[in-house]
Amino acid sequence: MADLLWDDVKCFFEPDMMGSLPDVRVPHTSVEDWQAVLDLVAEKGWERQYSEGGTVLAVPQAKAVLSRPVDAECPDLRVWPTADVLAIFRFHAVEEVDFDVDLRELQGQERLDVFCGFLREIGRRLGKPVLMDPEGDDGHPVLGFDVEADRVVLLADPQVR
């Protein structure tokens, strides 16, 4: 059974309302949590590409990435849980695993199921919530993986149209 039904949540996947690239995050993390995410990506065999300043490199250990100098360019890890869905992880801070998704890629029940599955995998691996906020509006999640419920749930009321 699907975590969420498209008809119930499609307003949260409208780029005009949420921004094209909503912020997805796992708060209160550590280097070990970041490493667990990198290990999960490798274990699942998801297509991935790590780059620093536009140069594609092998995926390093989380400790190496997160100990880079403050003024160094922020590296990113592009992960495709399926060929048509991309998540871009940014290594801004040890304390929060964060990544962007493009809402234009997450239209319809099938893509929503892929996205929920991706959040579920990360949340289960870390044992922590995975939250999606409107772009640039951190702290106001609309949906996320709930550890206790072991599924993705709505965290805000859908807009009545």
C-alpha atoms as a PDB file:
ATOM      1  CA  MET A   1       0.000   0.000   0.000  1.00  0.00           C
ATOM      2  CA  ALA A   2       1.234   3.499  -0.816  1.00  0.00           C
ATOM      3  CA  ASP A   3       2.401   5.756   2.031  1.00  0.00           C
ATOM      4  CA  LEU A   4       0.628   8.719   0.438  1.00  0.00           C
ATOM      5  CA  LEU A   5      -1.971   9.016  -2.303  1.00  0.00           C
ATOM      6  CA  TRP A   6      -1.217  11.418  -5.142  1.00  0.00           C
ATOM      7  CA  ASP A   7      -4.660  13.008  -5.110  1.00  0.00           C
ATOM      8  CA  ASP A   8      -4.245  13.823  -1.387  1.00  0.00           C
ATOM      9  CA  VAL A   9      -0.799  15.438  -1.673  1.00  0.00           C
ATOM     10  CA  LYS A  10      -0.396  16.757  -5.216  1.00  0.00           C
ATOM     11  CA  CYS A  11      -0.632  20.365  -3.985  1.00  0.00           C
ATOM     12  CA  PHE A  12       2.681  19.793  -2.158  1.00  0.00           C
ATOM     13  CA  PHE A  13       4.299  18.836  -5.456  1.00  0.00           C
ATOM     14  CA  GLU A  14       3.338  22.005  -7.321  1.00  0.00           C
ATOM     15  CA  PRO A  15       6.521  23.998  -8.078  1.00  0.00           C
ATOM     16  CA  ASP A  16       4.552  27.281  -7.917  1.00  0.00           C
ATOM     17  CA  MET A  17       3.558  26.561  -4.323  1.00  0.00           C
ATOM     18  CA  MET A  18       6.615  24.739  -2.964  1.00  0.00           C
ATOM     19  CA  GLY A  19       9.385  26.039  -5.207  1.00  0.00           C
ATOM     20  CA  SER A  20      10.912  23.741  -7.803  1.00  0.00           C
ATOM     21  CA  LEU A  21      13.525  22.375  -5.408  1.00  0.00           C
ATOM     22  CA  PRO A  22      12.051  21.800  -1.941  1.00  0.00           C
ATOM     23  CA  ASP A  23      14.475  21.183   0.897  1.00  0.00           C
ATOM     24  CA  VAL A  24      14.621  17.611   2.162  1.00  0.00           C
ATOM     25  CA  ARG A  25      16.543  17.097   5.364  1.00  0.00           C
ATOM     26  CA  VAL A  26      17.403  14.825   8.245  1.00  0.00           C
ATOM     27  CA  PRO A  27      18.087  17.003  11.304  1.00  0.00           C
ATOM     28  CA  HIS A  28      20.407  16.212  14.210  1.00  0.00           C
ATOM     29  CA  THR A  29      22.877  14.071  12.299  1.00  0.00           C
ATOM     30  CA  SER A  30      26.520  13.112  12.696  1.00  0.00           C
ATOM     31  CA  VAL A  31      29.391  12.083  10.442  1.00  0.00           C
ATOM     32  CA  GLU A  32      28.297   8.496  11.081  1.00  0.00           C
ATOM     33  CA  ASP A  33      24.808   9.292   9.787  1.00  0.00           C
ATOM     34  CA  TRP A  34      26.247  10.833   6.627  1.00  0.00           C
ATOM     35  CA  GLN A  35      28.398   7.719   6.162  1.00  0.00           C
ATOM     36  CA  ALA A  36      25.343   5.507   6.663  1.00  0.00           C
ATOM     37  CA  VAL A  37      23.612   7.405   3.817  1.00  0.00           C
ATOM     38  CA  LEU A  38      26.654   6.961   1.549  1.00  0.00           C
ATOM     39  CA  ASP A  39      26.746   3.248   2.420  1.00  0.00           C
ATOM     40  CA  LEU A  40      23.006   2.911   1.745  1.00  0.00           C
ATOM     41  CA  VAL A  41      23.369   4.504  -1.693  1.00  0.00           C
ATOM     42  CA  ALA A  42      26.167   2.055  -2.557  1.00  0.00           C
ATOM     43  CA  GLU A  43      24.330  -0.976  -1.130  1.00  0.00           C
ATOM     44  CA  LYS A  44      21.143  -0.181  -3.054  1.00  0.00           C
ATOM     45  CA  GLY A  45      23.122   0.165  -6.271  1.00  0.00           C
ATOM     46  CA  TRP A  46      21.529   3.511  -7.002  1.00  0.00           C
ATOM     47  CA  GLU A  47      23.221   5.403  -9.816  1.00  0.00           C
ATOM     48  CA  ARG A  48      25.385   8.124  -8.270  1.00  0.00           C
ATOM     49  CA  GLN A  49      27.861  10.849  -9.164  1.00  0.00           C
ATOM     50  CA  TYR A  50      30.024  12.747  -6.684  1.00  0.00           C
ATOM     51  CA  SER A  51      31.633  16.026  -7.721  1.00  0.00           C
ATOM     52  CA  GLU A  52      33.683  18.846  -6.271  1.00  0.00           C
ATOM     53  CA  GLY A  53      33.756  22.103  -8.184  1.00  0.00           C
ATOM     54  CA  GLY A  54      32.445  20.439 -11.322  1.00  0.00           C
ATOM     55  CA  THR A  55      35.062  17.655 -11.223  1.00  0.00           C
ATOM     56  CA  VAL A  56      33.599  14.154 -10.991  1.00  0.00           C
ATOM     57  CA  LEU A  57      35.413  12.012  -8.421  1.00  0.00           C
ATOM     58  CA  ALA A  58      35.000   8.695  -6.630  1.00  0.00           C
ATOM     59  CA  VAL A  59      32.648   8.913  -3.639  1.00  0.00           C
ATOM     60  CA  PRO A  60      34.866   9.523  -0.593  1.00  0.00           C
ATOM     61  CA  GLN A  61      34.194   8.690   3.032  1.00  0.00           C
ATOM     62  CA  ALA A  62      31.841  11.131   4.770  1.00  0.00           C
ATOM     63  CA  LYS A  63      34.549  12.125   7.248  1.00  0.00           C
ATOM     64  CA  ALA A  64      36.782  13.353   4.402  1.00  0.00           C
ATOM     65  CA  VAL A  65      34.000  15.326   2.722  1.00  0.00           C
ATOM     66  CA  LEU A  66      32.752  16.940   5.923  1.00  0.00           C
ATOM     67  CA  SER A  67      36.236  17.931   7.129  1.00  0.00           C
ATOM     68  CA  ARG A  68      36.950  20.079   4.079  1.00  0.00           C
ATOM     69  CA  PRO A  69      37.994  23.705   4.744  1.00  0.00           C
ATOM     70  CA  VAL A  70      35.115  26.112   5.361  1.00  0.00           C
ATOM     71  CA  ASP A  71      35.986  28.141   2.263  1.00  0.00           C
ATOM     72  CA  ALA A  72      36.133  25.060  -0.019  1.00  0.00           C
ATOM     73  CA  GLU A  73      33.466  24.683  -2.662  1.00  0.00           C
ATOM     74  CA  CYS A  74      30.557  22.575  -1.432  1.00  0.00           C
ATOM     75  CA  PRO A  75      30.646  19.133  -3.041  1.00  0.00           C
ATOM     76  CA  ASP A  76      27.495  17.349  -4.115  1.00  0.00           C
ATOM     77  CA  LEU A  77      26.357  13.800  -4.597  1.00  0.00           C
ATOM     78  CA  ARG A  78      23.739  13.151  -7.248  1.00  0.00           C
ATOM     79  CA  VAL A  79      21.699  10.020  -6.599  1.00  0.00           C
ATOM     80  CA  TRP A  80      19.132   8.458  -8.937  1.00  0.00           C
ATOM     81  CA  PRO A  81      16.904   5.990  -7.028  1.00  0.00           C
ATOM     82  CA  THR A  82      15.329   5.419 -10.463  1.00  0.00           C
ATOM     83  CA  ALA A  83      16.365   6.719 -13.867  1.00  0.00           C
ATOM     84  CA  ASP A  84      13.792   9.535 -13.770  1.00  0.00           C
ATOM     85  CA  VAL A  85      14.174  10.723 -10.164  1.00  0.00           C
ATOM     86  CA  LEU A  86      17.239  12.664  -8.961  1.00  0.00           C
ATOM     87  CA  ALA A  87      18.224  13.695  -5.419  1.00  0.00           C
ATOM     88  CA  ILE A  88      21.179  16.052  -4.963  1.00  0.00           C
ATOM     89  CA  PHE A  89      22.889  15.791  -1.574  1.00  0.00           C
ATOM     90  CA  ARG A  90      24.829  18.832  -0.387  1.00  0.00           C
ATOM     91  CA  PHE A  91      27.471  18.495   2.293  1.00  0.00           C
ATOM     92  CA  HIS A  92      26.783  21.823   4.044  1.00  0.00           C
ATOM     93  CA  ALA A  93      26.921  20.646   7.656  1.00  0.00           C
ATOM     94  CA  VAL A  94      27.568  17.554   9.736  1.00  0.00           C
ATOM     95  CA  GLU A  95      24.415  18.252  11.782  1.00  0.00           C
ATOM     96  CA  GLU A  96      21.978  17.902   8.884  1.00  0.00           C
ATOM     97  CA  VAL A  97      21.831  15.550   5.926  1.00  0.00           C
ATOM     98  CA  ASP A  98      20.190  17.656   3.248  1.00  0.00           C
ATOM     99  CA  PHE A  99      19.245  17.168  -0.353  1.00  0.00           C
ATOM    100  CA  ASP A 100      17.130  18.655  -3.097  1.00  0.00           C
ATOM    101  CA  VAL A 101      14.624  16.996  -5.377  1.00  0.00           C
ATOM    102  CA  ASP A 102      12.998  18.494  -8.448  1.00  0.00           C
ATOM    103  CA  LEU A 103       9.216  18.489  -8.078  1.00  0.00           C
ATOM    104  CA  ARG A 104       8.825  18.428 -11.849  1.00  0.00           C
ATOM    105  CA  GLU A 105      10.248  14.869 -11.685  1.00  0.00           C
ATOM    106  CA  LEU A 106       7.843  13.805  -8.937  1.00  0.00           C
ATOM    107  CA  GLN A 107       4.476  14.021 -10.658  1.00  0.00           C
ATOM    108  CA  GLY A 108       1.915  11.216 -10.301  1.00  0.00           C
ATOM    109  CA  GLN A 109       1.462   8.228  -8.005  1.00  0.00           C
ATOM    110  CA  GLU A 110       4.317   6.149  -9.447  1.00  0.00           C
ATOM    111  CA  ARG A 111       6.931   8.866  -8.908  1.00  0.00           C
ATOM    112  CA  LEU A 112       5.446   9.709  -5.486  1.00  0.00           C
ATOM    113  CA  ASP A 113       5.873   6.057  -4.501  1.00  0.00           C
ATOM    114  CA  VAL A 114       9.539   6.161  -5.599  1.00  0.00           C
ATOM    115  CA  PHE A 115      10.106   9.326  -3.577  1.00  0.00           C
ATOM    116  CA  CYS A 116       8.384   7.925  -0.474  1.00  0.00           C
ATOM    117  CA  GLY A 117      10.412   4.726  -0.803  1.00  0.00           C
ATOM    118  CA  PHE A 118      13.616   6.774  -0.985  1.00  0.00           C
ATOM    119  CA  LEU A 119      12.696   8.755   2.146  1.00  0.00           C
ATOM    120  CA  ARG A 120      11.716   5.528   3.914  1.00  0.00           C
ATOM    121  CA  GLU A 121      15.058   3.879   3.106  1.00  0.00           C
ATOM    122  CA  ILE A 122      17.024   6.835   4.466  1.00  0.00           C
ATOM    123  CA  GLY A 123      14.806   7.225   7.533  1.00  0.00           C
ATOM    124  CA  ARG A 124      14.948   3.546   8.403  1.00  0.00           C
ATOM    125  CA  ARG A 125      18.729   3.400   7.972  1.00  0.00           C
ATOM    126  CA  LEU A 126      19.253   6.415  10.240  1.00  0.00           C
ATOM    127  CA  GLY A 127      16.320   5.820  12.587  1.00  0.00           C
ATOM    128  CA  LYS A 128      15.457   9.491  12.160  1.00  0.00           C
ATOM    129  CA  PRO A 129      12.755  11.587  10.496  1.00  0.00           C
ATOM    130  CA  VAL A 130      13.293  12.756   6.916  1.00  0.00           C
ATOM    131  CA  LEU A 131      11.450  16.031   6.342  1.00  0.00           C
ATOM    132  CA  MET A 132      10.443  17.977   3.217  1.00  0.00           C
ATOM    133  CA  ASP A 133      10.065  21.764   3.560  1.00  0.00           C
ATOM    134  CA  PRO A 134       9.039  24.241   0.875  1.00  0.00           C
ATOM    135  CA  GLU A 135      12.097  25.648  -0.906  1.00  0.00           C
ATOM    136  CA  GLY A 136      13.820  28.176   1.370  1.00  0.00           C
ATOM    137  CA  ASP A 137      11.322  27.651   4.209  1.00  0.00           C
ATOM    138  CA  ASP A 138      13.205  25.331   6.589  1.00  0.00           C
ATOM    139  CA  GLY A 139      11.399  24.364   9.733  1.00  0.00           C
ATOM    140  CA  HIS A 140       7.944  24.047   8.152  1.00  0.00           C
ATOM    141  CA  PRO A 141       7.811  20.471   6.837  1.00  0.00           C
ATOM    142  CA  VAL A 142       4.800  19.420   4.800  1.00  0.00           C
ATOM    143  CA  LEU A 143       5.561  15.711   4.748  1.00  0.00           C
ATOM    144  CA  GLY A 144       8.201  13.310   5.939  1.00  0.00           C
ATOM    145  CA  PHE A 145       9.220   9.879   7.094  1.00  0.00           C
ATOM    146  CA  ASP A 146       7.876   9.247  10.586  1.00  0.00           C
ATOM    147  CA  VAL A 147      10.085   6.798  12.497  1.00  0.00           C
ATOM    148  CA  GLU A 148       7.305   5.584  14.821  1.00  0.00           C
ATOM    149  CA  ALA A 149       4.789   5.059  12.005  1.00  0.00           C
ATOM    150  CA  ASP A 150       7.549   3.603   9.764  1.00  0.00           C
ATOM    151  CA  ARG A 151       6.106   5.406   6.770  1.00  0.00           C
ATOM    152  CA  VAL A 152       5.924   8.770   5.043  1.00  0.00           C
ATOM    153  CA  VAL A 153       3.131  10.912   6.463  1.00  0.00           C
ATOM    154  CA  LEU A 154       1.596  14.337   5.899  1.00  0.00           C
ATOM    155  CA  LEU A 155       2.814  16.955   8.353  1.00  0.00           C
ATOM    156  CA  ALA A 156       0.694  19.867   7.037  1.00  0.00           C
ATOM    157  CA  ASP A 157      -2.840  20.221   5.766  1.00  0.00           C
ATOM    158  CA  PRO A 158      -3.150  20.186   1.973  1.00  0.00           C
ATOM    159  CA  GLN A 159      -4.311  23.476   0.489  1.00  0.00           C
ATOM    160  CA  VAL A 160      -7.986  23.530  -0.311  1.00  0.00           C
ATOM    161  CA  ARG A 161      -8.471  24.647  -3.912  1.00  0.00           C
END
